[in-house]
Amino acid sequence: MVLYSIKSSILNAPLCARAAVSMRSIKQKGLDMIPNAQFSNEKFLYHLKDIGKNFSSDKQRLALGVTALATQPFIDAHNKRVDEETRKVSVARTVAKIIAGTLTGFLIRYGCIKSIKAFSQIPGKGVPKYKTIFTPKGVKDNTTDAFDQYRNAMGTVVALGIMVFTNFLIDAPLTKFLTNTFVKHQKMEDKK
């Protein structure tokens, strides 16, 4: 109770209030510098909408992994604050983490999205009850964009729950294995 009253008195002090107003003003000025853009090219808008519709979380994870693999090892390799040996190990560890994280993240997301699609069928004749486990009530058409987005989102949510465990069960051991393999390979190359 005492700590709460101390915190409250500090936050309500005139100096703190003025600092908060100043920070909001600075943030707003920063946002005002960003120009507003309106796109009217129909072809561009069509492709942008198509990417948003079809680029689900598994593909996003793959794109992030490729981007990370193209940039982060380069940054580690050119870090002049550490010695050459540390740089090599750092690059090996970074590459291993990116490969392990991207591989497991992509495969789990992809598998969960496919599984949700398999278990969110429209109830009807010839469709077993277990294949409708993830189908929302009242859905009559599984070809709408909203239903596709539901399946992608539900698959992503299930994948995130699974990845809480796979980070420890798959990612960490795979990263360690790949790092050791890369470091051994690098040492063999250095001896040649």
Protein backbone atom coordinates (compact mmCIF):
# COMPACT_ATOMS: atom_id res chain seq x y z
CA MET A 1 0.00 0.00 0.00
CA VAL A 2 2.83 2.36 0.89
CA LEU A 3 4.65 1.63 -2.39
CA TYR A 4 1.47 2.30 -4.35
CA SER A 5 1.02 5.70 -2.73
CA ILE A 6 4.69 6.59 -3.38
CA LYS A 7 4.34 5.57 -7.03
CA SER A 8 1.10 7.54 -7.31
CA SER A 9 2.62 10.69 -5.83
CA ILE A 10 5.62 10.46 -8.17
CA LEU A 11 3.49 9.93 -11.27
CA ASN A 12 1.12 12.77 -10.33
CA ALA A 13 3.92 15.25 -9.65
CA PRO A 14 3.85 18.32 -11.93
CA LEU A 15 7.30 17.55 -13.34
CA CYS A 16 6.29 14.00 -14.30
CA ALA A 17 3.04 15.25 -15.86
CA ARG A 18 4.94 17.81 -17.96
CA ALA A 19 7.42 15.13 -19.06
CA ALA A 20 4.54 12.89 -20.18
CA VAL A 21 2.98 15.71 -22.19
CA SER A 22 6.35 16.45 -23.80
CA MET A 23 6.84 12.80 -24.73
CA ARG A 24 3.39 12.63 -26.32
CA SER A 25 4.18 15.81 -28.27
CA ILE A 26 7.50 14.36 -29.51
CA LYS A 27 5.83 11.09 -30.55
CA GLN A 28 3.11 12.98 -32.40
CA LYS A 29 5.66 15.13 -34.23
CA GLY A 30 7.47 11.95 -35.28
CA LEU A 31 4.23 10.46 -36.59
CA ASP A 32 3.37 13.69 -38.40
CA MET A 33 6.63 13.43 -40.38
CA ILE A 34 5.45 10.19 -42.02
CA PRO A 35 3.63 11.11 -45.23
CA ASN A 36 0.14 9.80 -45.87
CA ALA A 37 -0.14 7.63 -48.96
CA GLN A 38 -3.15 6.52 -50.93
CA PHE A 39 -2.67 3.90 -53.60
CA SER A 40 -5.00 3.99 -56.57
CA ASN A 41 -3.29 1.64 -59.03
CA GLU A 42 -5.77 -1.24 -59.34
CA LYS A 43 -3.12 -3.77 -60.33
CA PHE A 44 -0.96 -2.90 -57.31
CA LEU A 45 -3.96 -3.03 -54.96
CA TYR A 46 -5.03 -6.39 -56.38
CA HIS A 47 -1.57 -7.90 -55.80
CA LEU A 48 -1.30 -6.37 -52.34
CA LYS A 49 -4.67 -7.82 -51.36
CA ASP A 50 -3.73 -11.19 -52.88
CA ILE A 51 -0.50 -11.30 -50.86
CA GLY A 52 -2.39 -10.45 -47.68
CA LYS A 53 -4.92 -13.18 -48.36
CA ASN A 54 -2.50 -15.97 -49.30
CA PHE A 55 0.57 -15.18 -47.21
CA SER A 56 -0.29 -17.10 -44.04
CA SER A 57 1.90 -17.37 -40.95
CA ASP A 58 3.89 -20.37 -42.21
CA LYS A 59 4.99 -18.45 -45.29
CA GLN A 60 5.67 -15.36 -43.18
CA ARG A 61 7.97 -17.42 -40.91
CA LEU A 62 9.81 -18.73 -43.95
CA ALA A 63 10.25 -15.21 -45.33
CA LEU A 64 11.56 -13.96 -41.97
CA GLY A 65 14.00 -16.87 -41.82
CA VAL A 66 15.37 -16.22 -45.30
CA THR A 67 15.76 -12.52 -44.54
CA ALA A 68 17.51 -13.29 -41.24
CA LEU A 69 19.83 -15.79 -42.92
CA ALA A 70 20.76 -13.18 -45.52
CA THR A 71 21.54 -10.41 -43.03
CA GLN A 72 22.38 -11.52 -39.48
CA PRO A 73 25.46 -13.71 -40.16
CA PHE A 74 26.97 -10.83 -42.15
CA ILE A 75 26.51 -8.51 -39.17
CA ASP A 76 28.10 -11.03 -36.79
CA ALA A 77 30.99 -11.68 -39.17
CA HIS A 78 31.89 -8.00 -39.31
CA ASN A 79 31.68 -7.25 -35.58
CA LYS A 80 35.10 -5.72 -34.90
CA ARG A 81 34.53 -5.54 -31.12
CA VAL A 82 35.32 -9.24 -30.67
CA ASP A 83 38.23 -11.43 -31.73
CA GLU A 84 38.25 -13.62 -34.85
CA GLU A 85 37.46 -16.90 -33.02
CA THR A 86 34.45 -15.40 -31.24
CA ARG A 87 33.20 -13.99 -34.55
CA LYS A 88 33.34 -17.41 -36.19
CA VAL A 89 31.48 -19.08 -33.34
CA SER A 90 28.95 -16.24 -33.30
CA VAL A 91 28.27 -16.65 -37.02
CA ALA A 92 27.91 -20.42 -36.60
CA ARG A 93 25.50 -19.99 -33.69
CA THR A 94 23.46 -17.36 -35.52
CA VAL A 95 23.13 -19.52 -38.64
CA ALA A 96 22.21 -22.54 -36.51
CA LYS A 97 19.56 -20.61 -34.58
CA ILE A 98 18.05 -19.22 -37.77
CA ILE A 99 17.95 -22.61 -39.50
CA ALA A 100 16.53 -24.44 -36.47
CA GLY A 101 13.96 -21.75 -35.68
CA THR A 102 12.85 -21.32 -39.27
CA LEU A 103 12.64 -25.02 -39.98
CA THR A 104 10.64 -25.94 -36.90
CA GLY A 105 8.53 -22.77 -37.00
CA PHE A 106 7.61 -23.27 -40.64
CA LEU A 107 6.90 -26.99 -40.37
CA ILE A 108 4.80 -26.70 -37.22
CA ARG A 109 2.77 -23.77 -38.56
CA TYR A 110 2.29 -25.50 -41.91
CA GLY A 111 1.24 -28.76 -40.27
CA CYS A 112 -1.18 -27.05 -37.88
CA ILE A 113 -2.81 -25.00 -40.63
CA LYS A 114 -3.23 -28.15 -42.76
CA SER A 115 -4.62 -30.04 -39.76
CA ILE A 116 -7.13 -27.30 -38.99
CA LYS A 117 -8.24 -27.35 -42.63
CA ALA A 118 -8.71 -31.13 -42.39
CA PHE A 119 -10.69 -30.89 -39.14
CA SER A 120 -12.90 -27.92 -40.06
CA GLN A 121 -15.10 -29.51 -42.69
CA ILE A 122 -18.71 -28.50 -43.20
CA PRO A 123 -21.01 -30.96 -41.38
CA GLY A 124 -23.05 -33.03 -43.74
CA LYS A 125 -23.63 -36.40 -45.30
CA GLY A 126 -20.48 -38.51 -45.42
CA VAL A 127 -18.43 -36.18 -43.19
CA PRO A 128 -17.37 -37.86 -39.94
CA LYS A 129 -18.05 -35.96 -36.72
CA TYR A 130 -14.34 -35.70 -35.82
CA LYS A 131 -13.66 -33.78 -39.06
CA THR A 132 -15.91 -30.96 -37.84
CA ILE A 133 -14.16 -30.37 -34.50
CA PHE A 134 -12.86 -26.92 -35.48
CA THR A 135 -15.82 -25.86 -37.64
CA PRO A 136 -17.62 -22.82 -36.20
CA LYS A 137 -21.35 -23.20 -35.61
CA GLY A 138 -23.60 -21.95 -38.37
CA VAL A 139 -21.05 -22.10 -41.19
CA LYS A 140 -22.60 -23.35 -44.42
CA ASP A 141 -19.88 -22.51 -46.96
CA ASN A 142 -16.19 -23.38 -46.63
CA THR A 143 -15.09 -21.51 -49.75
CA THR A 144 -15.39 -17.95 -48.42
CA ASP A 145 -12.36 -15.80 -47.73
CA ALA A 146 -13.45 -15.30 -44.12
CA PHE A 147 -13.51 -19.07 -43.53
CA ASP A 148 -10.06 -19.45 -45.10
CA GLN A 149 -8.71 -16.69 -42.86
CA TYR A 150 -10.34 -18.38 -39.85
CA ARG A 151 -8.56 -21.63 -40.70
CA ASN A 152 -5.20 -19.86 -41.07
CA ALA A 153 -5.66 -17.96 -37.81
CA MET A 154 -6.80 -21.03 -35.88
CA GLY A 155 -3.87 -23.02 -37.26
CA THR A 156 -1.49 -20.28 -36.18
CA VAL A 157 -2.96 -20.17 -32.67
CA VAL A 158 -2.65 -23.95 -32.30
CA ALA A 159 0.92 -23.79 -33.67
CA LEU A 160 1.89 -21.11 -31.15
CA GLY A 161 0.65 -23.34 -28.34
CA ILE A 162 2.67 -26.26 -29.67
CA MET A 163 5.78 -24.15 -30.20
CA VAL A 164 5.91 -23.30 -26.49
CA PHE A 165 7.10 -26.88 -26.04
CA THR A 166 9.01 -27.40 -29.28
CA ASN A 167 11.30 -24.46 -28.51
CA PHE A 168 12.78 -26.59 -25.73
CA LEU A 169 12.29 -30.03 -27.26
CA ILE A 170 13.42 -29.35 -30.84
CA ASP A 171 14.84 -25.84 -31.37
CA ALA A 172 17.38 -25.80 -28.54
CA PRO A 173 18.89 -29.27 -29.18
CA LEU A 174 18.88 -28.71 -32.96
CA THR A 175 20.58 -25.33 -32.53
CA LYS A 176 23.25 -26.88 -30.31
CA PHE A 177 23.82 -29.73 -32.77
CA LEU A 178 24.06 -27.40 -35.78
CA THR A 179 26.34 -24.96 -33.95
CA ASN A 180 28.73 -27.74 -32.97
CA THR A 181 28.67 -29.10 -36.53
CA PHE A 182 29.39 -25.68 -38.05
CA VAL A 183 32.18 -24.92 -35.55
CA LYS A 184 33.82 -28.33 -36.21
CA HIS A 185 33.57 -27.76 -39.94
CA GLN A 186 35.06 -24.27 -39.55
CA LYS A 187 37.98 -25.62 -37.48
CA MET A 188 38.66 -28.27 -40.14
CA GLU A 189 38.66 -25.54 -42.79
CA ASP A 190 41.06 -23.43 -40.74
CA LYS A 191 43.52 -26.33 -40.44
CA LYS A 192 43.69 -26.76 -44.23
